Structures are given as structure tokens and as C-alpha cells.
PDB file of N, CA and C in Angstrom:
ATOM      1  N   MET A   1     -12.750 -65.175 -62.321  1.00  0.00           N
ATOM      2  CA  MET A   1     -11.880 -64.389 -63.171  1.00  0.00           C
ATOM      3  C   MET A   1     -11.662 -63.022 -62.515  1.00  0.00           C
ATOM      4  N   THR A   2     -10.444 -62.562 -62.447  1.00  0.00           N
ATOM      5  CA  THR A   2     -10.141 -61.270 -61.837  1.00  0.00           C
ATOM      6  C   THR A   2     -10.493 -60.146 -62.810  1.00  0.00           C
ATOM      7  N   PRO A   3     -10.658 -58.896 -62.310  1.00  0.00           N
ATOM      8  CA  PRO A   3     -10.917 -57.775 -63.216  1.00  0.00           C
ATOM      9  C   PRO A   3      -9.834 -57.627 -64.273  1.00  0.00           C
ATOM     10  N   ARG A   4      -8.580 -57.881 -63.890  1.00  0.00           N
ATOM     11  CA  ARG A   4      -7.484 -57.777 -64.851  1.00  0.00           C
ATOM     12  C   ARG A   4      -7.655 -58.817 -65.959  1.00  0.00           C
ATOM     13  N   GLN A   5      -8.025 -60.061 -65.604  1.00  0.00           N
ATOM     14  CA  GLN A   5      -8.238 -61.103 -66.597  1.00  0.00           C
ATOM     15  C   GLN A   5      -9.409 -60.752 -67.500  1.00  0.00           C
ATOM     16  N   GLU A   6     -10.484 -60.177 -66.917  1.00  0.00           N
ATOM     17  CA  GLU A   6     -11.623 -59.774 -67.721  1.00  0.00           C
ATOM     18  C   GLU A   6     -11.214 -58.714 -68.739  1.00  0.00           C
ATOM     19  N   ALA A   7     -10.348 -57.799 -68.336  1.00  0.00           N
ATOM     20  CA  ALA A   7      -9.910 -56.729 -69.231  1.00  0.00           C
ATOM     21  C   ALA A   7      -9.058 -57.268 -70.364  1.00  0.00           C
ATOM     22  N   HIS A   8      -8.364 -58.382 -70.125  1.00  0.00           N
ATOM     23  CA  HIS A   8      -7.480 -58.923 -71.131  1.00  0.00           C
ATOM     24  C   HIS A   8      -8.092 -60.067 -71.928  1.00  0.00           C
ATOM     25  N   GLY A   9      -9.250 -60.580 -71.534  1.00  0.00           N
ATOM     26  CA  GLY A   9      -9.902 -61.632 -72.293  1.00  0.00           C
ATOM     27  C   GLY A   9      -9.321 -62.999 -71.982  1.00  0.00           C
ATOM     28  N   GLU A  10      -9.770 -63.996 -72.714  1.00  0.00           N
ATOM     29  CA  GLU A  10      -9.344 -65.373 -72.514  1.00  0.00           C
ATOM     30  C   GLU A  10      -7.847 -65.538 -72.751  1.00  0.00           C
ATOM     31  N   GLY A  11      -7.201 -66.340 -71.931  1.00  0.00           N
ATOM     32  CA  GLY A  11      -5.797 -66.682 -72.134  1.00  0.00           C
ATOM     33  C   GLY A  11      -4.833 -65.533 -71.943  1.00  0.00           C
ATOM     34  N   GLY A  12      -5.288 -64.417 -71.373  1.00  0.00           N
ATOM     35  CA  GLY A  12      -4.394 -63.300 -71.121  1.00  0.00           C
ATOM     36  C   GLY A  12      -4.171 -62.399 -72.321  1.00  0.00           C
ATOM     37  N   ALA A  13      -4.791 -62.713 -73.474  1.00  0.00           N
ATOM     38  CA  ALA A  13      -4.643 -61.865 -74.653  1.00  0.00           C
ATOM     39  C   ALA A  13      -5.432 -60.577 -74.429  1.00  0.00           C
ATOM     40  N   PRO A  14      -4.959 -59.448 -74.956  1.00  0.00           N
ATOM     41  CA  PRO A  14      -5.688 -58.201 -74.761  1.00  0.00           C
ATOM     42  C   PRO A  14      -7.112 -58.307 -75.303  1.00  0.00           C
ATOM     43  N   ALA A  15      -8.069 -57.724 -74.560  1.00  0.00           N
ATOM     44  CA  ALA A  15      -9.450 -57.685 -75.007  1.00  0.00           C
ATOM     45  C   ALA A  15      -9.554 -56.742 -76.192  1.00  0.00           C
ATOM     46  N   ALA A  16     -10.670 -56.814 -76.892  1.00  0.00           N
ATOM     47  CA  ALA A  16     -10.883 -55.955 -78.058  1.00  0.00           C
ATOM     48  C   ALA A  16     -10.715 -54.491 -77.664  1.00  0.00           C
ATOM     49  N   GLN A  17     -10.048 -53.736 -78.509  1.00  0.00           N
ATOM     50  CA  GLN A  17      -9.816 -52.325 -78.251  1.00  0.00           C
ATOM     51  C   GLN A  17     -11.104 -51.545 -78.458  1.00  0.00           C
ATOM     52  N   HIS A  18     -11.304 -50.506 -77.672  1.00  0.00           N
ATOM     53  CA  HIS A  18     -12.444 -49.616 -77.790  1.00  0.00           C
ATOM     54  C   HIS A  18     -11.934 -48.253 -78.214  1.00  0.00           C
ATOM     55  N   ASP A  19     -12.861 -47.393 -78.622  1.00  0.00           N
ATOM     56  CA  ASP A  19     -12.478 -46.017 -78.895  1.00  0.00           C
ATOM     57  C   ASP A  19     -11.886 -45.428 -77.621  1.00  0.00           C
ATOM     58  N   PRO A  20     -10.948 -44.505 -77.749  1.00  0.00           N
ATOM     59  CA  PRO A  20     -10.352 -43.905 -76.547  1.00  0.00           C
ATOM     60  C   PRO A  20     -11.411 -43.269 -75.655  1.00  0.00           C
ATOM     61  N   ILE A  21     -11.200 -43.389 -74.358  1.00  0.00           N
ATOM     62  CA  ILE A  21     -12.083 -42.825 -73.349  1.00  0.00           C
ATOM     63  C   ILE A  21     -11.287 -41.752 -72.615  1.00  0.00           C
ATOM     64  N   THR A  22     -11.881 -40.579 -72.437  1.00  0.00           N
ATOM     65  CA  THR A  22     -11.208 -39.501 -71.728  1.00  0.00           C
ATOM     66  C   THR A  22     -11.621 -39.510 -70.266  1.00  0.00           C
ATOM     67  N   VAL A  23     -10.629 -39.592 -69.388  1.00  0.00           N
ATOM     68  CA  VAL A  23     -10.836 -39.468 -67.953  1.00  0.00           C
ATOM     69  C   VAL A  23      -9.996 -38.289 -67.474  1.00  0.00           C
ATOM     70  N   ILE A  24     -10.307 -37.794 -66.304  1.00  0.00           N
ATOM     71  CA  ILE A  24      -9.535 -36.683 -65.732  1.00  0.00           C
ATOM     72  C   ILE A  24      -8.724 -37.238 -64.571  1.00  0.00           C
ATOM     73  N   VAL A  25      -7.409 -37.010 -64.607  1.00  0.00           N
ATOM     74  CA  VAL A  25      -6.514 -37.468 -63.542  1.00  0.00           C
ATOM     75  C   VAL A  25      -5.730 -36.267 -63.039  1.00  0.00           C
ATOM     76  N   ASN A  26      -5.920 -35.946 -61.763  1.00  0.00           N
ATOM     77  CA  ASN A  26      -5.264 -34.780 -61.156  1.00  0.00           C
ATOM     78  C   ASN A  26      -5.472 -33.518 -61.990  1.00  0.00           C
ATOM     79  N   GLY A  27      -6.706 -33.347 -62.467  1.00  0.00           N
ATOM     80  CA  GLY A  27      -7.066 -32.140 -63.204  1.00  0.00           C
ATOM     81  C   GLY A  27      -6.699 -32.133 -64.677  1.00  0.00           C
ATOM     82  N   ARG A  28      -6.065 -33.199 -65.165  1.00  0.00           N
ATOM     83  CA  ARG A  28      -5.639 -33.246 -66.565  1.00  0.00           C
ATOM     84  C   ARG A  28      -6.396 -34.335 -67.322  1.00  0.00           C
ATOM     85  N   PRO A  29      -6.865 -34.035 -68.550  1.00  0.00           N
ATOM     86  CA  PRO A  29      -7.519 -35.073 -69.350  1.00  0.00           C
ATOM     87  C   PRO A  29      -6.502 -36.119 -69.804  1.00  0.00           C
ATOM     88  N   ARG A  30      -6.886 -37.374 -69.712  1.00  0.00           N
ATOM     89  CA  ARG A  30      -6.046 -38.495 -70.151  1.00  0.00           C
ATOM     90  C   ARG A  30      -6.914 -39.452 -70.955  1.00  0.00           C
ATOM     91  N   GLU A  31      -6.390 -39.939 -72.070  1.00  0.00           N
ATOM     92  CA  GLU A  31      -7.118 -40.914 -72.871  1.00  0.00           C
ATOM     93  C   GLU A  31      -6.655 -42.318 -72.519  1.00  0.00           C
ATOM     94  N   VAL A  32      -7.620 -43.228 -72.375  1.00  0.00           N
ATOM     95  CA  VAL A  32      -7.330 -44.635 -72.115  1.00  0.00           C
ATOM     96  C   VAL A  32      -8.055 -45.460 -73.167  1.00  0.00           C
ATOM     97  N   ASP A  33      -7.575 -46.678 -73.409  1.00  0.00           N
ATOM     98  CA  ASP A  33      -8.169 -47.504 -74.456  1.00  0.00           C
ATOM     99  C   ASP A  33      -9.018 -48.651 -73.928  1.00  0.00           C
ATOM    100  N   HIS A  34      -9.308 -48.641 -72.633  1.00  0.00           N
ATOM    101  CA  HIS A  34     -10.194 -49.659 -72.069  1.00  0.00           C
ATOM    102  C   HIS A  34     -10.968 -49.064 -70.899  1.00  0.00           C
ATOM    103  N   ARG A  35     -12.116 -49.628 -70.628  1.00  0.00           N
ATOM    104  CA  ARG A  35     -13.022 -49.083 -69.610  1.00  0.00           C
ATOM    105  C   ARG A  35     -12.682 -49.506 -68.189  1.00  0.00           C
ATOM    106  N   LEU A  36     -11.947 -50.584 -68.019  1.00  0.00           N
ATOM    107  CA  LEU A  36     -11.618 -51.067 -66.688  1.00  0.00           C
ATOM    108  C   LEU A  36     -10.190 -50.647 -66.353  1.00  0.00           C
ATOM    109  N   LEU A  37     -10.048 -49.768 -65.361  1.00  0.00           N
ATOM    110  CA  LEU A  37      -8.728 -49.277 -64.963  1.00  0.00           C
ATOM    111  C   LEU A  37      -8.394 -49.794 -63.572  1.00  0.00           C
ATOM    112  N   SER A  38      -7.180 -50.269 -63.423  1.00  0.00           N
ATOM    113  CA  SER A  38      -6.714 -50.738 -62.120  1.00  0.00           C
ATOM    114  C   SER A  38      -6.097 -49.577 -61.344  1.00  0.00           C
ATOM    115  N   PHE A  39      -5.878 -49.813 -60.072  1.00  0.00           N
ATOM    116  CA  PHE A  39      -5.164 -48.856 -59.215  1.00  0.00           C
ATOM    117  C   PHE A  39      -3.844 -48.469 -59.887  1.00  0.00           C
ATOM    118  N   ASP A  40      -3.075 -49.479 -60.338  1.00  0.00           N
ATOM    119  CA  ASP A  40      -1.772 -49.209 -60.967  1.00  0.00           C
ATOM    120  C   ASP A  40      -1.917 -48.411 -62.257  1.00  0.00           C
ATOM    121  N   ASP A  41      -2.955 -48.694 -63.065  1.00  0.00           N
ATOM    122  CA  ASP A  41      -3.181 -47.930 -64.299  1.00  0.00           C
ATOM    123  C   ASP A  41      -3.362 -46.452 -63.980  1.00  0.00           C
ATOM    124  N   VAL A  42      -4.180 -46.156 -62.975  1.00  0.00           N
ATOM    125  CA  VAL A  42      -4.477 -44.765 -62.619  1.00  0.00           C
ATOM    126  C   VAL A  42      -3.232 -44.066 -62.075  1.00  0.00           C
ATOM    127  N   VAL A  43      -2.460 -44.758 -61.249  1.00  0.00           N
ATOM    128  CA  VAL A  43      -1.227 -44.179 -60.704  1.00  0.00           C
ATOM    129  C   VAL A  43      -0.265 -43.835 -61.840  1.00  0.00           C
ATOM    130  N   ARG A  44      -0.142 -44.719 -62.830  1.00  0.00           N
ATOM    131  CA  ARG A  44       0.747 -44.444 -63.969  1.00  0.00           C
ATOM    132  C   ARG A  44       0.250 -43.262 -64.804  1.00  0.00           C
ATOM    133  N   LEU A  45      -1.068 -43.065 -64.873  1.00  0.00           N
ATOM    134  CA  LEU A  45      -1.602 -41.904 -65.581  1.00  0.00           C
ATOM    135  C   LEU A  45      -1.290 -40.608 -64.830  1.00  0.00           C
ATOM    136  N   ALA A  46      -1.189 -40.703 -63.507  1.00  0.00           N
ATOM    137  CA  ALA A  46      -0.952 -39.516 -62.684  1.00  0.00           C
ATOM    138  C   ALA A  46       0.517 -39.126 -62.604  1.00  0.00           C
ATOM    139  N   PHE A  47       1.405 -40.105 -62.541  1.00  0.00           N
ATOM    140  CA  PHE A  47       2.826 -39.831 -62.300  1.00  0.00           C
ATOM    141  C   PHE A  47       3.723 -40.505 -63.327  1.00  0.00           C
ATOM    142  N   ASP A  48       4.704 -39.749 -63.807  1.00  0.00           N
ATOM    143  CA  ASP A  48       5.746 -40.302 -64.670  1.00  0.00           C
ATOM    144  C   ASP A  48       7.051 -39.600 -64.303  1.00  0.00           C
ATOM    145  N   PRO A  49       7.891 -40.259 -63.545  1.00  0.00           N
ATOM    146  CA  PRO A  49       7.838 -41.645 -63.086  1.00  0.00           C
ATOM    147  C   PRO A  49       6.964 -41.788 -61.830  1.00  0.00           C
ATOM    148  N   VAL A  50       6.525 -43.011 -61.585  1.00  0.00           N
ATOM    149  CA  VAL A  50       5.738 -43.312 -60.395  1.00  0.00           C
ATOM    150  C   VAL A  50       6.650 -43.247 -59.175  1.00  0.00           C
ATOM    151  N   PRO A  51       6.256 -42.506 -58.133  1.00  0.00           N
ATOM    152  CA  PRO A  51       7.074 -42.441 -56.915  1.00  0.00           C
ATOM    153  C   PRO A  51       7.181 -43.830 -56.267  1.00  0.00           C
ATOM    154  N   THR A  52       8.371 -44.162 -55.810  1.00  0.00           N
ATOM    155  CA  THR A  52       8.575 -45.456 -55.159  1.00  0.00           C
ATOM    156  C   THR A  52       9.383 -45.252 -53.885  1.00  0.00           C
ATOM    157  N   GLY A  53       9.429 -46.282 -53.093  1.00  0.00           N
ATOM    158  CA  GLY A  53      10.223 -46.239 -51.871  1.00  0.00           C
ATOM    159  C   GLY A  53       9.435 -46.804 -50.715  1.00  0.00           C
ATOM    160  N   PRO A  54      10.148 -47.156 -49.651  1.00  0.00           N
ATOM    161  CA  PRO A  54       9.492 -47.804 -48.516  1.00  0.00           C
ATOM    162  C   PRO A  54       8.518 -46.894 -47.769  1.00  0.00           C
ATOM    163  N   ASN A  55       8.648 -45.585 -47.912  1.00  0.00           N
ATOM    164  CA  ASN A  55       7.788 -44.657 -47.182  1.00  0.00           C
ATOM    165  C   ASN A  55       6.735 -43.978 -48.044  1.00  0.00           C
ATOM    166  N   VAL A  56       6.626 -44.367 -49.324  1.00  0.00           N
ATOM    167  CA  VAL A  56       5.663 -43.740 -50.224  1.00  0.00           C
ATOM    168  C   VAL A  56       4.303 -44.417 -50.073  1.00  0.00           C
ATOM    169  N   LEU A  57       3.281 -43.607 -49.836  1.00  0.00           N
ATOM    170  CA  LEU A  57       1.907 -44.084 -49.747  1.00  0.00           C
ATOM    171  C   LEU A  57       1.106 -43.423 -50.865  1.00  0.00           C
ATOM    172  N   LEU A  58       0.527 -44.235 -51.749  1.00  0.00           N
ATOM    173  CA  LEU A  58      -0.261 -43.722 -52.864  1.00  0.00           C
ATOM    174  C   LEU A  58      -1.743 -43.859 -52.537  1.00  0.00           C
ATOM    175  N   THR A  59      -2.500 -42.794 -52.797  1.00  0.00           N
ATOM    176  CA  THR A  59      -3.935 -42.790 -52.551  1.00  0.00           C
ATOM    177  C   THR A  59      -4.642 -42.408 -53.841  1.00  0.00           C
ATOM    178  N   VAL A  60      -5.664 -43.197 -54.209  1.00  0.00           N
ATOM    179  CA  VAL A  60      -6.441 -42.933 -55.419  1.00  0.00           C
ATOM    180  C   VAL A  60      -7.908 -42.791 -55.016  1.00  0.00           C
ATOM    181  N   SER A  61      -8.469 -41.615 -55.251  1.00  0.00           N
ATOM    182  CA  SER A  61      -9.900 -41.419 -55.046  1.00  0.00           C
ATOM    183  C   SER A  61     -10.531 -41.132 -56.404  1.00  0.00           C
ATOM    184  N   PHE A  62     -11.837 -41.394 -56.518  1.00  0.00           N
ATOM    185  CA  PHE A  62     -12.518 -41.187 -57.793  1.00  0.00           C
ATOM    186  C   PHE A  62     -13.931 -40.692 -57.551  1.00  0.00           C
ATOM    187  N   ARG A  63     -14.508 -40.137 -58.614  1.00  0.00           N
ATOM    188  CA  ARG A  63     -15.923 -39.806 -58.611  1.00  0.00           C
ATOM    189  C   ARG A  63     -16.466 -39.996 -60.033  1.00  0.00           C
ATOM    190  N   ASN A  64     -17.756 -40.260 -60.108  1.00  0.00           N
ATOM    191  CA  ASN A  64     -18.465 -40.440 -61.382  1.00  0.00           C
ATOM    192  C   ASN A  64     -17.964 -41.630 -62.198  1.00  0.00           C
ATOM    193  N   ALA A  65     -17.634 -42.712 -61.536  1.00  0.00           N
ATOM    194  CA  ALA A  65     -17.293 -43.939 -62.254  1.00  0.00           C
ATOM    195  C   ALA A  65     -18.589 -44.656 -62.623  1.00  0.00           C
ATOM    196  N   ALA A  66     -18.509 -45.612 -63.537  1.00  0.00           N
ATOM    197  CA  ALA A  66     -19.683 -46.379 -63.934  1.00  0.00           C
ATOM    198  C   ALA A  66     -20.194 -47.175 -62.738  1.00  0.00           C
ATOM    199  N   GLY A  67     -21.431 -46.946 -62.352  1.00  0.00           N
ATOM    200  CA  GLY A  67     -22.044 -47.701 -61.276  1.00  0.00           C
ATOM    201  C   GLY A  67     -21.696 -47.242 -59.871  1.00  0.00           C
ATOM    202  N   GLU A  68     -20.726 -46.358 -59.721  1.00  0.00           N
ATOM    203  CA  GLU A  68     -20.354 -45.878 -58.383  1.00  0.00           C
ATOM    204  C   GLU A  68     -20.186 -44.374 -58.427  1.00  0.00           C
ATOM    205  N   ARG A  69     -20.784 -43.706 -57.484  1.00  0.00           N
ATOM    206  CA  ARG A  69     -20.734 -42.248 -57.454  1.00  0.00           C
ATOM    207  C   ARG A  69     -19.351 -41.728 -57.070  1.00  0.00           C
ATOM    208  N   LYS A  70     -18.783 -42.264 -55.960  1.00  0.00           N
ATOM    209  CA  LYS A  70     -17.443 -41.855 -55.547  1.00  0.00           C
ATOM    210  C   LYS A  70     -16.878 -42.906 -54.606  1.00  0.00           C
ATOM    211  N   GLY A  71     -15.547 -42.863 -54.434  1.00  0.00           N
ATOM    212  CA  GLY A  71     -14.903 -43.819 -53.544  1.00  0.00           C
ATOM    213  C   GLY A  71     -13.397 -43.761 -53.677  1.00  0.00           C
ATOM    214  N   THR A  72     -12.749 -44.773 -53.159  1.00  0.00           N
ATOM    215  CA  THR A  72     -11.295 -44.882 -53.263  1.00  0.00           C
ATOM    216  C   THR A  72     -10.940 -46.241 -53.831  1.00  0.00           C
ATOM    217  N   LEU A  73      -9.809 -46.293 -54.511  1.00  0.00           N
ATOM    218  CA  LEU A  73      -9.251 -47.547 -55.011  1.00  0.00           C
ATOM    219  C   LEU A  73      -8.053 -47.892 -54.154  1.00  0.00           C
ATOM    220  N   THR A  74      -7.889 -49.156 -53.852  1.00  0.00           N
ATOM    221  CA  THR A  74      -6.690 -49.620 -53.171  1.00  0.00           C
ATOM    222  C   THR A  74      -5.932 -50.532 -54.115  1.00  0.00           C
ATOM    223  N   GLU A  75      -4.683 -50.763 -53.787  1.00  0.00           N
ATOM    224  CA  GLU A  75      -3.835 -51.598 -54.634  1.00  0.00           C
ATOM    225  C   GLU A  75      -4.529 -52.935 -54.880  1.00  0.00           C
ATOM    226  N   GLY A  76      -4.569 -53.344 -56.149  1.00  0.00           N
ATOM    227  CA  GLY A  76      -5.204 -54.601 -56.539  1.00  0.00           C
ATOM    228  C   GLY A  76      -6.645 -54.445 -57.001  1.00  0.00           C
ATOM    229  N   GLU A  77      -7.256 -53.285 -56.765  1.00  0.00           N
ATOM    230  CA  GLU A  77      -8.635 -53.061 -57.191  1.00  0.00           C
ATOM    231  C   GLU A  77      -8.691 -52.390 -58.556  1.00  0.00           C
ATOM    232  N   SER A  78      -9.865 -52.509 -59.200  1.00  0.00           N
ATOM    233  CA  SER A  78     -10.121 -51.876 -60.494  1.00  0.00           C
ATOM    234  C   SER A  78     -11.484 -51.219 -60.466  1.00  0.00           C
ATOM    235  N   ILE A  79     -11.698 -50.285 -61.408  1.00  0.00           N
ATOM    236  CA  ILE A  79     -12.977 -49.582 -61.510  1.00  0.00           C
ATOM    237  C   ILE A  79     -13.302 -49.363 -62.980  1.00  0.00           C
ATOM    238  N   GLU A  80     -14.592 -49.441 -63.309  1.00  0.00           N
ATOM    239  CA  GLU A  80     -15.026 -49.158 -64.679  1.00  0.00           C
ATOM    240  C   GLU A  80     -15.287 -47.666 -64.810  1.00  0.00           C
ATOM    241  N   VAL A  81     -14.748 -47.058 -65.862  1.00  0.00           N
ATOM    242  CA  VAL A  81     -14.856 -45.613 -66.051  1.00  0.00           C
ATOM    243  C   VAL A  81     -15.929 -45.282 -67.081  1.00  0.00           C
ATOM    244  N   LYS A  82     -16.373 -44.018 -67.047  1.00  0.00           N
ATOM    245  CA  LYS A  82     -17.341 -43.501 -68.008  1.00  0.00           C
ATOM    246  C   LYS A  82     -16.654 -42.442 -68.862  1.00  0.00           C
ATOM    247  N   GLU A  83     -17.032 -42.378 -70.132  1.00  0.00           N
ATOM    248  CA  GLU A  83     -16.516 -41.354 -71.033  1.00  0.00           C
ATOM    249  C   GLU A  83     -16.859 -39.965 -70.512  1.00  0.00           C
ATOM    250  N   HIS A  84     -15.859 -39.117 -70.409  1.00  0.00           N
ATOM    251  CA  HIS A  84     -15.990 -37.720 -69.966  1.00  0.00           C
ATOM    252  C   HIS A  84     -16.693 -37.591 -68.628  1.00  0.00           C
ATOM    253  N   GLY A  85     -16.594 -38.581 -67.773  1.00  0.00           N
ATOM    254  CA  GLY A  85     -17.294 -38.458 -66.513  1.00  0.00           C
ATOM    255  C   GLY A  85     -16.454 -38.822 -65.305  1.00  0.00           C
ATOM    256  N   THR A  86     -15.490 -39.714 -65.481  1.00  0.00           N
ATOM    257  CA  THR A  86     -14.746 -40.210 -64.334  1.00  0.00           C
ATOM    258  C   THR A  86     -13.554 -39.303 -64.031  1.00  0.00           C
ATOM    259  N   VAL A  87     -13.460 -38.925 -62.761  1.00  0.00           N
ATOM    260  CA  VAL A  87     -12.395 -38.034 -62.296  1.00  0.00           C
ATOM    261  C   VAL A  87     -11.622 -38.753 -61.198  1.00  0.00           C
ATOM    262  N   PHE A  88     -10.289 -38.749 -61.327  1.00  0.00           N
ATOM    263  CA  PHE A  88      -9.413 -39.363 -60.329  1.00  0.00           C
ATOM    264  C   PHE A  88      -8.529 -38.296 -59.701  1.00  0.00           C
ATOM    265  N   ASN A  89      -8.291 -38.445 -58.402  1.00  0.00           N
ATOM    266  CA  ASN A  89      -7.287 -37.654 -57.696  1.00  0.00           C
ATOM    267  C   ASN A  89      -6.308 -38.640 -57.094  1.00  0.00           C
ATOM    268  N   VAL A  90      -5.035 -38.478 -57.438  1.00  0.00           N
ATOM    269  CA  VAL A  90      -3.987 -39.396 -56.989  1.00  0.00           C
ATOM    270  C   VAL A  90      -2.951 -38.585 -56.224  1.00  0.00           C
ATOM    271  N   THR A  91      -2.645 -39.026 -55.010  1.00  0.00           N
ATOM    272  CA  THR A  91      -1.632 -38.348 -54.204  1.00  0.00           C
ATOM    273  C   THR A  91      -0.575 -39.336 -53.758  1.00  0.00           C
ATOM    274  N   ALA A  92       0.634 -38.829 -53.633  1.00  0.00           N
ATOM    275  CA  ALA A  92       1.749 -39.605 -53.093  1.00  0.00           C
ATOM    276  C   ALA A  92       2.229 -38.868 -51.853  1.00  0.00           C
ATOM    277  N   THR A  93       2.249 -39.564 -50.730  1.00  0.00           N
ATOM    278  CA  THR A  93       2.707 -38.947 -49.484  1.00  0.00           C
ATOM    279  C   THR A  93       3.817 -39.783 -48.869  1.00  0.00           C
ATOM    280  N   ASP A  94       4.572 -39.172 -47.990  1.00  0.00           N
ATOM    281  CA  ASP A  94       5.662 -39.842 -47.280  1.00  0.00           C
ATOM    282  C   ASP A  94       5.138 -40.283 -45.918  1.00  0.00           C
ATOM    283  N   LYS A  95       5.178 -41.583 -45.643  1.00  0.00           N
ATOM    284  CA  LYS A  95       4.646 -42.127 -44.393  1.00  0.00           C
ATOM    285  C   LYS A  95       5.489 -41.783 -43.168  1.00  0.00           C
ATOM    286  N   SER A  96       6.721 -41.326 -43.362  1.00  0.00           N
ATOM    287  CA  SER A  96       7.588 -41.113 -42.189  1.00  0.00           C
ATOM    288  C   SER A  96       7.198 -39.926 -41.365  1.00  0.00           C
TER     289      SER A  96
END
């Protein structure tokens, strides 16, 4: 089962909702309703609208996640967050 499937429960239905969890994304507090956040979830929390294009490179780094002190997320990966503890830094750069 993939992390995304685990977050949504059996048959793709959303998993039980939890109390909102506050994470910090690019210095701003953001509330989420589940503990497992994907790369795409974090990028959407950082940017509205999400930068797109053939030369856009998105980088997601984190610290104080559940079970991991710090690291980076790549597209397709997920991480479990902690209440008032997980901090994300998301950058969009031009590869050209």
C-alpha cells in the first residue's frame, strides 16, 4: 500500500479526519487535517498558484518531522508531521 493509499484508507475513501495539525511552511503557520503529507501537499501549502513550466524545479526540505530529524522530500514521497513541530521550506527555481 502506498503512503497516499494509507492516508485515504481502504478503497480510496478518505481516512478518518483528525484535529487540525499546525505545520510551518516557508515561515507561515498552516493547518492540515492529516498527519501524512505528500510532496505535492506541501508544495500546494507553499504556493498559490503552484509554479509550473518546463524549467521550474521545486525543492522541499523539512525538519522535526515524526521519526526524522531533517531531510528533503522528492516528488512522489510523503512524510508524517508532528503538531507544532514540523517545518518545511519550499523553493521554486528556474533550471535554465
